[in-house]
Every structure is written in structure tokens, then in C-alpha cells.
Amino acid sequence: MKIAIIGCGFIAATHAQALTGMNLPITVAVDANLRAAQAFAEKWNIPEHTDLLDRVLEKDIDVVHVCTPPTLHYEMVRRIIQAGKHVICEKPLCLNPAQARDLARMANETGIVSAVNFNVRFHEACGRVKAAASSENFGRICLIKGSYEQEFHVLPADYMWRYQKELAGPMRATTEIGSHWIDLARYLTGLEILEVSATYGMFTPDRFVKDGIMYEEEQPGSTKIAVDSDDAVCATLKFSNGALGSLLLSEVTCGRNNYVSMEISGSKQSVSWNSEDPYRMCTASKFSGTTSSVNAFGGGFPETFASFFQEVYRDILSGKRSDRPSYPTFEDGYQNAAVCQAIYESANNHSIWTEVK
């Protein structure tokens, strides 16, 4: 089996590390920056590197990992599917729901294995949360609340592609971290998000860039830029069974490195989990307090990538997709894109309730 990686940035290294640990050798590294492709290939002992996308479309390549910014996904992935390759795409699959739907349709029609890297659902404890929330003892799901918070965009911060609309699109917190939470909520509950009411926080629209770093105040020799993508999101959600949801997204919360939380309340029990205590799941019932269970061998964030890839490559090696794959498919990527788009439309229209189309 021959594997190619397109895009040789930060997340590609995580893919390479997981593949290497699974003894799945990478054949070729591709990046628009040839030097970046070369450095990546040398670091991960990849025999070939190039700046030509067409290389991954050749007959000898079986699987392509797409690790590029989201606005580039549609055209790349469309060509990869047309070439008959299995494809694992970084999230979000697309920013445009119609494009994501098209890729999902193509993947289904061609029979290739397709997956979107929503790795958070592969925390071992999340499997236990899912089982608890779907048990008869849990009752009807009534409330779903949680957050995804990080500190990486607190100023001063790197000026990167995520601030360039031609690469990242008009959203940031919504798609960069919100897409993970949306997938997790759908996965854990089996419910769909039907309507949203959202508000955006854009706290520093004017920033000053110097030597690749953004500052709130003007620096000697800096360049002023305008930023209108979302630093934070507060959203209320309506789910397909009538449950209500509450979501906070923030890329500017000091002290939060990579904090994901989820609490699901049923008519008989509740269950909760967060990524800063990833081995622990908490359950509760009326008048019984909260009980926690810990699996010290459950694996942390790095292991979620390996668990995700193991599930996908099980199907790839079998030659076809499972009837009910545990990993996020392009159909999940499409549903996710539709929710993100509804959040964006609501936040830009006075938080009006907006249907997920």
C-alpha cells in the first residue's frame, strides 16, 4: 500500500507520526512549497517529495491524506476521488455545505473509503459516554451542553493562514474547533442539530503585525490589518428529538490549551466528560450524586489519531467501507458543514434562529 500526504504543516506531522506507529510507510509528501515538502520528507523518512498535486493521482498511490487549509479541500478531494483513491481529509471537509454534499455523493457512488479527521470522538472515554447516553437507564436526552476552549489566539499570537480568508474562509472558531464539538455531540447522542441561534465575539478587529506576530497595540514597523473572523461563539442549539443545547467556543481563553467538554442530561441520568481529564467519565442520577469512573489505560489526545486511522485503514485494507463505520465519513463532514454555515448565518443576522439546511 502506498500513501501520500498533501500539505506538510503542523497537522501533517501528527498524521505522519500515527502512520509511522502503525508501520504504514508514507510514499510521497506533497506541498505547494517544495522546500517544506523536502524538509517534511527528510524528517519522516519519506522517499519522495514534490510540489505537484498530480503525483497523488497516479496509479501507484492508494490512499491520500489531505492536510491543507479548508478552502483548498473541495477541488483537491474531488480530483482524488475521481482518480479512485481512498481519502482521509482534515476537518472541516468543506466550508460550503453544497461542496461537502457533492464530495459525500461522489464517495458513496465510487465506493472509496472516505473519512474526516474528527479525532476527538476517539478518546476512549467518549466511547463510554456514548454507551451511557444510549442505554435504557439514561432516559430521553433533554440537554446537551459544552465548550471547546483554547488560548492560542490570545494576543500576541502568530499571524497564520487561519487569518487569511482565501485559505481559511470567513469563519475561525466555528470551523477550527467548533466543528470538532459538533461532530462529538452528533456522535455521542445520535441526534442531529436542526436549528441554531449564535452570537460571535470579535474582540480585536484591528491588529498590528510585525515579524509574523499579531499585536493589539501598534508596534514600531508593524502593519495594520483587519480581522473579522470569530474569536468566540455562544450558540443555542435545537436537536432532532427536541433536546436543547448550549455551546461556547473560544480561541482566546487564557489557560485553556485544548479543553473540550460535554455534558448530556437525560430524563433519568446525566453523563459528562472533558479533555483535560480525558480518562474520567462522570455519571449522575437524582439524589445519588455524581460517580466517576477512570480508565488509566484509555489513552490521551495523541492516541486519538492512531485509533481513528486504525478504524479507517481496517476498511481500506478490506477494500470497502463498513456498512456502519465508527469513524466520521464525508456524510458526517457534510452534516457538520451545514451546522457551521447555520451558525455563521445566525451570528451575522442578529442571532436569529436559523435552520440547518
Protein backbone atom coordinates (compact mmCIF):
# COMPACT_ATOMS: atom_id res chain seq x y z
CA MET A 1 0.00 0.00 0.00
CA LYS A 2 1.27 3.44 -0.94
CA ILE A 3 0.21 6.54 0.99
CA ALA A 4 0.57 10.22 0.08
CA ILE A 5 0.23 13.29 2.30
CA ILE A 6 -0.75 16.65 0.80
CA GLY A 7 0.17 19.66 2.91
CA CYS A 8 3.24 19.38 5.11
CA GLY A 9 2.37 21.64 8.03
CA PHE A 10 1.70 21.06 11.72
CA ILE A 11 -1.23 18.65 11.44
CA ALA A 12 0.52 16.60 8.73
CA ALA A 13 3.21 15.72 11.26
CA THR A 14 0.53 14.24 13.51
CA HIS A 15 -0.69 12.12 10.60
CA ALA A 16 2.86 11.01 9.82
CA GLN A 17 3.56 10.10 13.43
CA ALA A 18 0.41 7.99 13.70
CA LEU A 19 1.02 6.24 10.36
CA THR A 20 4.63 5.51 11.29
CA GLY A 21 3.49 4.00 14.59
CA MET A 22 1.15 1.73 12.64
CA ASN A 23 4.00 0.62 10.34
CA LEU A 24 2.26 2.20 7.36
CA PRO A 25 5.03 3.81 5.28
CA ILE A 26 4.38 7.10 3.51
CA THR A 27 5.46 7.12 -0.13
CA VAL A 28 5.30 10.78 -1.09
CA ALA A 29 4.96 14.18 0.58
CA VAL A 30 3.31 16.98 -1.39
CA ASP A 31 3.32 20.69 -0.62
CA ALA A 32 3.00 23.84 -2.72
CA ASN A 33 6.23 24.91 -1.02
CA LEU A 34 8.81 22.46 -2.35
CA ARG A 35 11.24 23.19 0.49
CA ALA A 36 8.55 22.38 3.04
CA ALA A 37 7.83 19.11 1.25
CA GLN A 38 11.54 18.26 1.25
CA ALA A 39 12.01 19.03 4.95
CA PHE A 40 8.92 17.00 5.84
CA ALA A 41 10.09 14.05 3.74
CA GLU A 42 13.52 14.11 5.37
CA LYS A 43 12.05 14.27 8.88
CA TRP A 44 9.70 11.33 8.35
CA ASN A 45 11.94 9.26 6.08
CA ILE A 46 9.60 9.62 3.10
CA PRO A 47 11.35 8.59 -0.12
CA GLU A 48 9.71 11.13 -2.42
CA HIS A 49 8.58 14.74 -2.24
CA THR A 50 7.10 17.11 -4.79
CA ASP A 51 5.07 20.28 -5.25
CA LEU A 52 2.84 18.68 -7.90
CA LEU A 53 -0.66 17.60 -6.84
CA ASP A 54 -0.94 15.36 -9.90
CA ARG A 55 1.59 12.98 -8.34
CA VAL A 56 -1.01 11.63 -5.89
CA LEU A 57 -3.40 10.89 -8.77
CA GLU A 58 -1.05 8.36 -10.34
CA LYS A 59 -1.90 4.66 -10.32
CA ASP A 60 0.57 3.58 -7.65
CA ILE A 61 -0.98 5.73 -4.89
CA ASP A 62 -3.72 4.02 -2.88
CA VAL A 63 -4.55 6.47 -0.05
CA VAL A 64 -4.24 10.26 0.18
CA HIS A 65 -4.21 12.28 3.41
CA VAL A 66 -5.32 15.87 2.73
CA CYS A 67 -3.79 18.20 5.33
CA THR A 68 -4.24 21.55 3.59
CA PRO A 69 -6.31 24.61 4.62
CA PRO A 70 -10.08 24.07 4.18
CA THR A 71 -10.75 26.28 1.16
CA LEU A 72 -8.43 24.01 -0.85
CA HIS A 73 -10.19 20.78 0.10
CA TYR A 74 -13.02 20.64 -2.43
CA GLU A 75 -11.05 20.74 -5.66
CA MET A 76 -8.27 18.52 -4.31
CA VAL A 77 -10.56 15.89 -2.85
CA ARG A 78 -12.82 15.89 -5.90
CA ARG A 79 -9.86 15.05 -8.14
CA ILE A 80 -8.60 12.41 -5.70
CA ILE A 81 -11.99 10.67 -5.65
CA GLN A 82 -12.20 10.82 -9.44
CA ALA A 83 -8.81 9.08 -9.54
CA GLY A 84 -10.24 6.26 -7.38
CA LYS A 85 -8.13 6.86 -4.28
CA HIS A 86 -9.22 6.40 -0.68
CA VAL A 87 -9.03 9.75 1.07
CA ILE A 88 -8.67 10.99 4.65
CA CYS A 89 -9.33 14.72 4.87
CA GLU A 90 -8.62 17.16 7.65
CA LYS A 91 -11.59 18.97 9.14
CA PRO A 92 -13.63 20.78 8.13
CA LEU A 93 -14.30 18.79 4.96
CA CYS A 94 -15.57 21.95 3.22
CA LEU A 95 -16.82 25.36 4.26
CA ASN A 96 -19.57 25.25 1.65
CA PRO A 97 -22.20 22.62 2.54
CA ALA A 98 -23.11 22.08 -1.12
CA GLN A 99 -19.49 21.22 -1.90
CA ALA A 100 -19.31 18.85 1.08
CA ARG A 101 -22.53 17.19 -0.06
CA ASP A 102 -21.05 16.75 -3.54
CA LEU A 103 -17.95 15.05 -2.14
CA ALA A 104 -20.09 12.77 0.05
CA ARG A 105 -22.15 11.81 -3.01
CA MET A 106 -19.04 11.09 -5.07
CA ALA A 107 -17.51 8.98 -2.30
CA ASN A 108 -20.68 6.91 -1.99
CA GLU A 109 -21.03 6.42 -5.75
CA THR A 110 -17.42 5.37 -6.28
CA GLY A 111 -17.24 3.16 -3.20
CA ILE A 112 -13.95 4.62 -1.96
CA VAL A 113 -13.28 4.83 1.77
CA SER A 114 -13.61 8.45 2.88
CA ALA A 115 -13.05 9.92 6.32
CA VAL A 116 -12.82 13.32 8.02
CA ASN A 117 -10.37 13.77 10.89
CA PHE A 118 -12.70 14.45 13.80
CA ASN A 119 -10.29 12.61 16.07
CA VAL A 120 -11.80 13.86 19.36
CA ARG A 121 -14.53 11.20 19.24
CA PHE A 122 -11.78 8.57 19.57
CA HIS A 123 -10.94 9.36 23.18
CA GLU A 124 -11.60 6.05 24.92
CA ALA A 125 -13.84 7.71 27.50
CA CYS A 126 -16.05 9.11 24.72
CA GLY A 127 -16.97 5.56 23.79
CA ARG A 128 -18.12 5.02 27.36
CA VAL A 129 -20.08 8.29 27.29
CA LYS A 130 -21.83 7.20 24.11
CA ALA A 131 -22.76 3.86 25.64
CA ALA A 132 -24.10 5.53 28.78
CA ALA A 133 -26.20 8.09 26.86
CA SER A 134 -27.74 5.39 24.67
CA SER A 135 -28.65 2.98 27.49
CA GLU A 136 -32.26 2.41 28.56
CA ASN A 137 -31.41 3.63 32.05
CA PHE A 138 -30.42 7.05 30.74
CA GLY A 139 -33.88 8.05 29.55
CA ARG A 140 -34.68 10.63 26.89
CA ILE A 141 -31.87 13.09 26.13
CA CYS A 142 -33.05 16.58 27.15
CA LEU A 143 -29.98 18.84 27.37
CA ILE A 144 -26.56 18.87 25.72
CA LYS A 145 -24.05 21.48 26.81
CA GLY A 146 -20.34 22.01 26.49
CA SER A 147 -17.45 24.01 25.17
CA TYR A 148 -14.23 23.95 23.22
CA GLU A 149 -11.72 26.48 24.51
CA GLN A 150 -8.11 27.28 23.60
CA GLU A 151 -5.63 30.07 24.29
CA PHE A 152 -3.59 30.03 21.08
CA HIS A 153 -5.14 33.18 19.61
CA VAL A 154 -4.74 35.37 22.69
CA LEU A 155 -2.65 38.33 21.53
CA PRO A 156 0.20 38.49 20.82
CA ALA A 157 -0.23 35.48 18.55
CA ASP A 158 1.10 34.08 15.30
CA TYR A 159 -0.27 35.55 12.11
CA MET A 160 -1.07 32.41 10.13
CA TRP A 161 -3.21 31.08 7.31
CA ARG A 162 -6.20 30.88 9.67
CA TYR A 163 -6.48 34.67 9.34
CA GLN A 164 -6.40 34.62 5.54
CA LYS A 165 -9.86 34.26 4.04
CA GLU A 166 -8.57 32.80 0.81
CA LEU A 167 -7.35 29.80 2.85
CA ALA A 168 -9.49 29.70 6.00
CA GLY A 169 -12.73 31.20 4.74
CA PRO A 170 -14.83 33.66 6.78
CA MET A 171 -15.02 31.56 9.96
CA ARG A 172 -12.39 30.60 12.52
CA ALA A 173 -13.58 29.36 15.94
CA THR A 174 -16.73 27.96 14.31
CA THR A 175 -14.90 25.68 11.92
CA GLU A 176 -11.50 25.27 13.55
CA ILE A 177 -12.70 23.99 16.93
CA GLY A 178 -16.48 24.15 16.73
CA SER A 179 -16.56 21.50 14.01
CA HIS A 180 -14.97 19.05 16.47
CA TRP A 181 -17.61 19.73 19.16
CA ILE A 182 -20.45 19.46 16.64
CA ASP A 183 -19.19 16.08 15.47
CA LEU A 184 -18.75 14.89 19.04
CA ALA A 185 -22.29 15.92 20.01
CA ARG A 186 -23.76 14.12 16.99
CA TYR A 187 -21.65 11.03 17.64
CA LEU A 188 -22.35 10.73 21.36
CA THR A 189 -26.11 11.30 21.13
CA GLY A 190 -27.05 10.07 17.66
CA LEU A 191 -29.03 13.30 17.26
CA GLU A 192 -28.91 15.95 14.56
CA ILE A 193 -28.80 19.72 15.11
CA LEU A 194 -31.81 21.28 13.38
CA GLU A 195 -31.67 24.97 14.36
CA VAL A 196 -29.15 27.36 15.87
CA SER A 197 -29.04 30.83 17.39
CA ALA A 198 -25.50 32.14 17.60
CA THR A 199 -23.52 35.23 18.60
CA TYR A 200 -19.95 35.96 17.56
CA GLY A 201 -17.23 37.57 19.61
CA MET A 202 -14.70 39.52 17.54
CA PHE A 203 -12.70 41.28 20.20
CA THR A 204 -9.79 42.86 18.35
CA PRO A 205 -10.80 43.73 14.80
CA ASP A 206 -7.75 45.97 14.29
CA ARG A 207 -4.38 44.32 14.82
CA PHE A 208 -0.76 45.06 14.07
CA VAL A 209 1.57 42.50 12.51
CA LYS A 210 5.31 42.56 12.92
CA ASP A 211 7.68 39.70 12.08
CA GLY A 212 4.76 37.29 11.74
CA ILE A 213 3.24 38.14 15.15
CA MET A 214 -0.07 39.94 15.72
CA TYR A 215 -0.31 42.59 18.45
CA GLU A 216 -3.23 44.54 19.89
CA GLU A 217 -1.21 47.76 20.00
CA GLU A 218 0.81 49.29 17.20
CA GLN A 219 4.47 48.26 17.18
CA PRO A 220 7.37 50.12 15.53
CA GLY A 221 7.46 49.00 11.93
CA SER A 222 4.23 46.98 12.19
CA THR A 223 1.47 46.71 9.58
CA LYS A 224 -2.18 47.26 10.49
CA ILE A 225 -4.63 44.53 9.48
CA ALA A 226 -8.36 43.96 9.92
CA VAL A 227 -9.66 40.68 11.38
CA ASP A 228 -13.37 39.91 11.17
CA SER A 229 -13.41 36.16 11.81
CA ASP A 230 -14.80 34.83 15.09
CA ASP A 231 -12.63 34.68 18.21
CA ALA A 232 -15.51 33.14 20.14
CA VAL A 233 -19.04 31.83 19.69
CA CYS A 234 -22.02 31.46 22.02
CA ALA A 235 -24.72 29.27 20.49
CA THR A 236 -28.04 27.75 21.46
CA LEU A 237 -28.98 24.58 19.61
CA LYS A 238 -32.17 22.62 18.93
CA PHE A 239 -31.73 18.89 18.37
CA SER A 240 -33.81 16.44 16.37
CA ASN A 241 -35.52 14.88 19.41
CA GLY A 242 -36.46 18.25 20.93
CA ALA A 243 -33.41 18.49 23.19
CA LEU A 244 -31.77 21.88 23.76
CA GLY A 245 -28.05 22.54 23.53
CA SER A 246 -25.67 25.22 24.75
CA LEU A 247 -22.22 25.69 23.21
CA LEU A 248 -19.31 28.03 23.98
CA LEU A 249 -16.34 28.19 21.62
CA SER A 250 -13.29 30.29 22.38
CA GLU A 251 -9.84 30.61 20.90
CA VAL A 252 -8.93 33.34 23.40
CA THR A 253 -9.35 31.73 26.85
CA CYS A 254 -6.10 32.04 28.80
CA GLY A 255 -5.02 28.83 30.46
CA ARG A 256 -7.03 26.55 28.21
CA ASN A 257 -4.68 24.59 25.98
CA ASN A 258 -7.17 22.24 24.36
CA TYR A 259 -10.27 21.98 26.54
CA VAL A 260 -13.30 20.11 25.20
CA SER A 261 -16.26 19.49 27.50
CA MET A 262 -19.55 17.68 27.03
CA GLU A 263 -22.42 17.10 29.46
CA ILE A 264 -25.51 15.20 28.35
CA SER A 265 -28.60 15.26 30.58
CA GLY A 266 -31.28 12.61 30.19
CA SER A 267 -34.63 12.23 31.89
CA LYS A 268 -33.11 9.66 34.30
CA GLN A 269 -29.34 10.21 34.30
CA SER A 270 -26.59 12.54 33.12
CA VAL A 271 -23.06 11.93 31.88
CA SER A 272 -20.11 14.27 31.39
CA TRP A 273 -16.50 14.29 30.19
CA ASN A 274 -13.75 16.80 29.43
CA SER A 275 -10.46 16.51 27.60
CA GLU A 276 -8.32 17.95 30.42
CA ASP A 277 -9.26 14.89 32.48
CA PRO A 278 -9.55 12.55 29.49
CA TYR A 279 -9.57 9.22 31.30
CA ARG A 280 -12.52 10.11 33.55
CA MET A 281 -16.25 9.86 32.83
CA CYS A 282 -18.79 11.15 35.34
CA THR A 283 -22.36 9.88 35.66
CA ALA A 284 -25.17 11.04 37.92
CA SER A 285 -28.78 10.29 38.81
CA LYS A 286 -31.33 12.05 41.02
CA PHE A 287 -30.42 12.09 44.74
CA SER A 288 -27.44 9.81 44.08
CA GLY A 289 -24.74 12.37 43.47
CA THR A 290 -22.02 12.05 40.86
CA THR A 291 -19.92 8.95 40.29
CA SER A 292 -16.71 8.98 38.28
CA SER A 293 -15.01 6.09 36.56
CA VAL A 294 -11.41 6.20 35.34
CA ASN A 295 -9.62 4.03 32.83
CA ALA A 296 -5.93 4.85 33.31
CA PHE A 297 -5.09 2.96 30.12
CA GLY A 298 -7.64 4.79 27.99
CA GLY A 299 -5.10 6.82 26.02
CA GLY A 300 -4.92 10.60 25.58
CA PHE A 301 -5.12 13.08 22.72
CA PRO A 302 -2.20 11.69 20.66
CA GLU A 303 -3.75 8.23 20.75
CA THR A 304 -6.98 9.50 19.21
CA PHE A 305 -5.27 9.91 15.84
CA ALA A 306 -3.93 6.36 15.92
CA SER A 307 -7.34 4.99 16.94
CA PHE A 308 -9.01 6.97 14.14
CA PHE A 309 -6.54 5.79 11.49
CA GLN A 310 -6.77 2.18 12.67
CA GLU A 311 -10.53 2.20 12.10
CA VAL A 312 -10.22 3.81 8.67
CA TYR A 313 -7.38 1.59 7.48
CA ARG A 314 -9.28 -1.51 8.59
CA ASP A 315 -11.83 -0.64 5.91
CA ILE A 316 -9.18 0.40 3.38
CA LEU A 317 -7.35 -2.90 3.75
CA SER A 318 -10.63 -4.80 3.37
CA GLY A 319 -11.27 -2.91 0.14
CA LYS A 320 -14.59 -1.36 1.07
CA ARG A 321 -16.30 0.84 3.63
CA SER A 322 -18.18 -0.78 6.51
CA ASP A 323 -21.95 -0.58 6.47
CA ARG A 324 -21.84 1.43 9.71
CA PRO A 325 -18.33 2.87 10.09
CA SER A 326 -17.33 4.15 13.52
CA TYR A 327 -15.20 6.89 12.02
CA PRO A 328 -16.54 10.17 10.60
CA THR A 329 -17.29 9.83 6.88
CA PHE A 330 -17.83 12.51 4.25
CA GLU A 331 -21.53 12.35 5.10
CA ASP A 332 -20.61 13.47 8.62
CA GLY A 333 -18.42 16.16 7.06
CA TYR A 334 -21.41 17.38 5.05
CA GLN A 335 -23.74 17.49 8.08
CA ASN A 336 -21.03 19.32 10.00
CA ALA A 337 -20.57 21.92 7.29
CA ALA A 338 -24.30 22.61 7.26
CA VAL A 339 -24.33 23.27 11.02
CA CYS A 340 -21.27 25.56 10.80
CA GLN A 341 -22.91 27.51 7.98
CA ALA A 342 -26.11 27.95 10.02
CA ILE A 343 -24.07 29.24 12.99
CA TYR A 344 -22.32 31.73 10.71
CA GLU A 345 -25.59 32.94 9.16
CA SER A 346 -27.27 33.33 12.55
CA ALA A 347 -24.34 35.20 14.09
CA ASN A 348 -24.32 37.61 11.16
CA ASN A 349 -28.08 38.16 11.32
CA HIS A 350 -28.65 39.35 14.91
CA SER A 351 -28.62 35.79 16.33
CA ILE A 352 -31.89 34.92 14.59
CA TRP A 353 -32.89 31.26 14.82
CA THR A 354 -31.53 29.65 11.67
CA GLU A 355 -32.44 26.30 10.21
CA VAL A 356 -29.65 23.83 9.43
CA LYS A 357 -30.28 23.20 5.76
